Amino acid sequence: MTVDRDVPITEDELIDAVQTPPGAPEVSTATVVAYAVAGAAVLGWFLFGWLVLRQGFIDSVGESAGAAFALLLIVSIVGTVRRARRR
């Protein structure tokens, strides 16, 4: 598929289009901080299980992955409830 365009896209226009698609909501700083804290908590849980409790490496990975999926499920449920309230 080809697209005819008289004016070539500048590098700045391409970067802007890739970084923020039209209509995409801005991500708040609080959201980024919350995800960073959750990531650090999952990493800490993995290291605690592996190094302190002396579980096996695979067991610690599985346990921290389960905790991460549980956090993602909670975030999904909270997001769904918040979106339903706005309508």
N, C-alpha and C. Protein backbone atom coordinates (compact mmCIF):
# COMPACT_ATOMS: atom_id res chain seq x y z
N MET A 1 0.85 -1.17 0.00
CA MET A 1 0.00 0.00 0.00
C MET A 1 0.89 1.23 0.00
N THR A 2 0.59 2.16 -0.85
CA THR A 2 1.34 3.40 -0.89
C THR A 2 0.43 4.57 -0.59
N VAL A 3 1.00 5.59 -0.03
CA VAL A 3 0.27 6.80 0.29
C VAL A 3 1.00 7.96 -0.37
N ASP A 4 0.28 8.72 -1.17
CA ASP A 4 0.88 9.89 -1.81
C ASP A 4 0.81 11.06 -0.86
N ARG A 5 1.92 11.74 -0.74
CA ARG A 5 1.98 12.91 0.13
C ARG A 5 2.91 13.91 -0.52
N ASP A 6 2.44 15.15 -0.63
CA ASP A 6 3.24 16.17 -1.27
C ASP A 6 4.39 16.63 -0.38
N VAL A 7 4.11 16.76 0.90
CA VAL A 7 5.11 17.26 1.84
C VAL A 7 5.61 16.09 2.69
N PRO A 8 6.90 15.85 2.73
CA PRO A 8 7.40 14.74 3.55
C PRO A 8 7.22 15.04 5.05
N ILE A 9 7.08 14.00 5.82
CA ILE A 9 6.94 14.14 7.27
C ILE A 9 8.31 14.46 7.86
N THR A 10 8.33 15.47 8.70
CA THR A 10 9.59 15.80 9.37
C THR A 10 9.82 14.83 10.52
N GLU A 11 11.03 14.78 11.00
CA GLU A 11 11.36 13.88 12.10
C GLU A 11 10.60 14.25 13.37
N ASP A 12 10.42 15.55 13.62
CA ASP A 12 9.68 15.99 14.80
C ASP A 12 8.22 15.55 14.74
N GLU A 13 7.59 15.65 13.56
CA GLU A 13 6.21 15.21 13.41
C GLU A 13 6.08 13.71 13.64
N LEU A 14 7.05 12.96 13.17
CA LEU A 14 7.03 11.51 13.35
C LEU A 14 7.18 11.14 14.82
N ILE A 15 8.08 11.81 15.53
CA ILE A 15 8.29 11.54 16.96
C ILE A 15 7.03 11.90 17.74
N ASP A 16 6.41 13.05 17.42
CA ASP A 16 5.18 13.45 18.10
C ASP A 16 4.05 12.44 17.85
N ALA A 17 3.95 11.94 16.64
CA ALA A 17 2.89 10.99 16.32
C ALA A 17 3.09 9.66 17.03
N VAL A 18 4.33 9.25 17.20
CA VAL A 18 4.61 7.98 17.86
C VAL A 18 4.44 8.11 19.37
N GLN A 19 4.88 9.22 19.94
CA GLN A 19 4.85 9.36 21.39
C GLN A 19 3.45 9.59 21.93
N THR A 20 2.66 10.42 21.30
CA THR A 20 1.31 10.71 21.79
C THR A 20 0.33 10.59 20.63
N PRO A 21 -0.30 9.43 20.48
CA PRO A 21 -1.29 9.29 19.42
C PRO A 21 -2.47 10.23 19.66
N PRO A 22 -3.15 10.66 18.60
CA PRO A 22 -4.28 11.57 18.78
C PRO A 22 -5.38 10.95 19.62
N GLY A 23 -5.89 11.71 20.57
CA GLY A 23 -6.98 11.24 21.41
C GLY A 23 -6.52 10.40 22.60
N ALA A 24 -5.22 10.17 22.73
CA ALA A 24 -4.73 9.37 23.86
C ALA A 24 -4.68 10.23 25.11
N PRO A 25 -5.19 9.72 26.23
CA PRO A 25 -5.15 10.50 27.46
C PRO A 25 -3.74 10.56 28.04
N GLU A 26 -3.45 11.64 28.71
CA GLU A 26 -2.15 11.80 29.37
C GLU A 26 -2.10 10.89 30.59
N VAL A 27 -0.94 10.34 30.88
CA VAL A 27 -0.75 9.51 32.06
C VAL A 27 -0.25 10.41 33.17
N SER A 28 -0.94 10.38 34.31
CA SER A 28 -0.57 11.27 35.41
C SER A 28 0.70 10.78 36.09
N THR A 29 1.35 11.70 36.76
CA THR A 29 2.57 11.37 37.50
C THR A 29 2.27 10.39 38.63
N ALA A 30 1.11 10.53 39.25
CA ALA A 30 0.72 9.62 40.33
C ALA A 30 0.60 8.18 39.82
N THR A 31 0.09 8.01 38.60
CA THR A 31 -0.03 6.68 38.02
C THR A 31 1.34 6.08 37.77
N VAL A 32 2.25 6.86 37.22
CA VAL A 32 3.60 6.36 36.96
C VAL A 32 4.30 5.99 38.27
N VAL A 33 4.13 6.82 39.30
CA VAL A 33 4.74 6.52 40.60
C VAL A 33 4.12 5.26 41.20
N ALA A 34 2.81 5.11 41.09
CA ALA A 34 2.14 3.92 41.63
C ALA A 34 2.63 2.66 40.94
N TYR A 35 2.80 2.70 39.62
CA TYR A 35 3.31 1.53 38.90
C TYR A 35 4.76 1.24 39.27
N ALA A 36 5.56 2.28 39.47
CA ALA A 36 6.95 2.08 39.87
C ALA A 36 7.03 1.45 41.26
N VAL A 37 6.17 1.91 42.18
CA VAL A 37 6.14 1.33 43.53
C VAL A 37 5.68 -0.12 43.47
N ALA A 38 4.68 -0.41 42.66
CA ALA A 38 4.20 -1.79 42.53
C ALA A 38 5.28 -2.69 41.94
N GLY A 39 6.00 -2.20 40.95
CA GLY A 39 7.09 -2.96 40.36
C GLY A 39 8.20 -3.23 41.36
N ALA A 40 8.53 -2.21 42.15
CA ALA A 40 9.56 -2.38 43.18
C ALA A 40 9.10 -3.36 44.25
N ALA A 41 7.81 -3.33 44.59
CA ALA A 41 7.28 -4.26 45.59
C ALA A 41 7.33 -5.70 45.08
N VAL A 42 7.00 -5.92 43.81
CA VAL A 42 7.07 -7.26 43.24
C VAL A 42 8.53 -7.74 43.20
N LEU A 43 9.44 -6.87 42.80
CA LEU A 43 10.86 -7.23 42.80
C LEU A 43 11.34 -7.53 44.22
N GLY A 44 10.92 -6.72 45.18
CA GLY A 44 11.28 -6.95 46.57
C GLY A 44 10.73 -8.27 47.09
N TRP A 45 9.50 -8.59 46.69
CA TRP A 45 8.89 -9.86 47.10
C TRP A 45 9.68 -11.04 46.53
N PHE A 46 10.12 -10.91 45.29
CA PHE A 46 10.94 -11.96 44.67
C PHE A 46 12.25 -12.12 45.44
N LEU A 47 12.94 -11.03 45.69
CA LEU A 47 14.23 -11.10 46.39
C LEU A 47 14.06 -11.61 47.82
N PHE A 48 12.99 -11.20 48.49
CA PHE A 48 12.73 -11.68 49.84
C PHE A 48 12.53 -13.20 49.85
N GLY A 49 11.73 -13.71 48.94
CA GLY A 49 11.50 -15.14 48.89
C GLY A 49 12.74 -15.92 48.51
N TRP A 50 13.53 -15.38 47.60
CA TRP A 50 14.69 -16.11 47.10
C TRP A 50 15.86 -16.05 48.07
N LEU A 51 16.15 -14.85 48.58
CA LEU A 51 17.36 -14.68 49.38
C LEU A 51 17.12 -14.84 50.88
N VAL A 52 15.99 -14.39 51.38
CA VAL A 52 15.75 -14.44 52.83
C VAL A 52 15.10 -15.77 53.22
N LEU A 53 14.01 -16.12 52.53
CA LEU A 53 13.32 -17.36 52.86
C LEU A 53 13.99 -18.59 52.25
N ARG A 54 14.93 -18.36 51.34
CA ARG A 54 15.69 -19.43 50.68
C ARG A 54 14.79 -20.42 49.93
N GLN A 55 13.77 -19.86 49.29
CA GLN A 55 12.97 -20.67 48.37
C GLN A 55 13.81 -20.88 47.12
N GLY A 56 13.40 -21.79 46.29
CA GLY A 56 14.09 -21.95 45.02
C GLY A 56 13.86 -20.74 44.12
N PHE A 57 14.74 -20.59 43.14
CA PHE A 57 14.62 -19.46 42.22
C PHE A 57 13.29 -19.51 41.47
N ILE A 58 12.94 -20.68 40.96
CA ILE A 58 11.71 -20.83 40.18
C ILE A 58 10.48 -20.58 41.06
N ASP A 59 10.52 -21.07 42.29
CA ASP A 59 9.41 -20.83 43.22
C ASP A 59 9.23 -19.34 43.49
N SER A 60 10.34 -18.64 43.67
CA SER A 60 10.26 -17.20 43.92
C SER A 60 9.75 -16.45 42.71
N VAL A 61 10.19 -16.86 41.53
CA VAL A 61 9.69 -16.23 40.30
C VAL A 61 8.19 -16.45 40.16
N GLY A 62 7.76 -17.68 40.40
CA GLY A 62 6.33 -17.99 40.29
C GLY A 62 5.49 -17.23 41.30
N GLU A 63 5.99 -17.14 42.52
CA GLU A 63 5.24 -16.43 43.55
C GLU A 63 5.15 -14.94 43.26
N SER A 64 6.25 -14.34 42.81
CA SER A 64 6.21 -12.91 42.50
C SER A 64 5.40 -12.65 41.23
N ALA A 65 5.43 -13.56 40.27
CA ALA A 65 4.60 -13.40 39.07
C ALA A 65 3.11 -13.49 39.44
N GLY A 66 2.78 -14.39 40.36
CA GLY A 66 1.39 -14.48 40.82
C GLY A 66 0.95 -13.20 41.52
N ALA A 67 1.85 -12.64 42.33
CA ALA A 67 1.53 -11.38 43.00
C ALA A 67 1.36 -10.24 41.98
N ALA A 68 2.20 -10.24 40.94
CA ALA A 68 2.08 -9.21 39.91
C ALA A 68 0.76 -9.33 39.16
N PHE A 69 0.37 -10.56 38.82
CA PHE A 69 -0.91 -10.74 38.13
C PHE A 69 -2.08 -10.36 39.02
N ALA A 70 -1.97 -10.63 40.31
CA ALA A 70 -3.03 -10.21 41.24
C ALA A 70 -3.13 -8.69 41.29
N LEU A 71 -1.98 -8.00 41.31
CA LEU A 71 -2.00 -6.54 41.29
C LEU A 71 -2.62 -6.01 40.00
N LEU A 72 -2.27 -6.63 38.87
CA LEU A 72 -2.87 -6.21 37.60
C LEU A 72 -4.37 -6.43 37.57
N LEU A 73 -4.84 -7.52 38.18
CA LEU A 73 -6.27 -7.77 38.26
C LEU A 73 -6.97 -6.71 39.09
N ILE A 74 -6.36 -6.34 40.22
CA ILE A 74 -6.93 -5.30 41.08
C ILE A 74 -6.99 -3.97 40.33
N VAL A 75 -5.91 -3.62 39.62
CA VAL A 75 -5.89 -2.37 38.85
C VAL A 75 -6.97 -2.39 37.78
N SER A 76 -7.16 -3.52 37.13
CA SER A 76 -8.19 -3.64 36.10
C SER A 76 -9.59 -3.46 36.68
N ILE A 77 -9.85 -4.07 37.82
CA ILE A 77 -11.17 -3.95 38.45
C ILE A 77 -11.42 -2.52 38.89
N VAL A 78 -10.43 -1.89 39.51
CA VAL A 78 -10.60 -0.50 39.95
C VAL A 78 -10.82 0.41 38.74
N GLY A 79 -10.08 0.21 37.66
CA GLY A 79 -10.27 1.02 36.46
C GLY A 79 -11.64 0.85 35.85
N THR A 80 -12.14 -0.38 35.86
CA THR A 80 -13.49 -0.64 35.33
C THR A 80 -14.55 0.05 36.16
N VAL A 81 -14.42 -0.03 37.47
CA VAL A 81 -15.39 0.62 38.36
C VAL A 81 -15.35 2.13 38.18
N ARG A 82 -14.15 2.69 38.10
CA ARG A 82 -14.04 4.15 37.92
C ARG A 82 -14.62 4.59 36.59
N ARG A 83 -14.38 3.82 35.54
CA ARG A 83 -14.91 4.19 34.22
C ARG A 83 -16.43 4.08 34.20
N ALA A 84 -16.99 3.08 34.90
CA ALA A 84 -18.44 2.91 34.93
C ALA A 84 -19.11 4.05 35.69
N ARG A 85 -18.44 4.60 36.68
CA ARG A 85 -19.01 5.73 37.44
C ARG A 85 -19.10 6.99 36.61
N ARG A 86 -18.15 7.19 35.68
CA ARG A 86 -18.12 8.41 34.88
C ARG A 86 -19.26 8.47 33.86
N ARG A 87 -19.79 7.35 33.49
CA ARG A 87 -20.84 7.33 32.45
C ARG A 87 -22.17 7.63 33.00
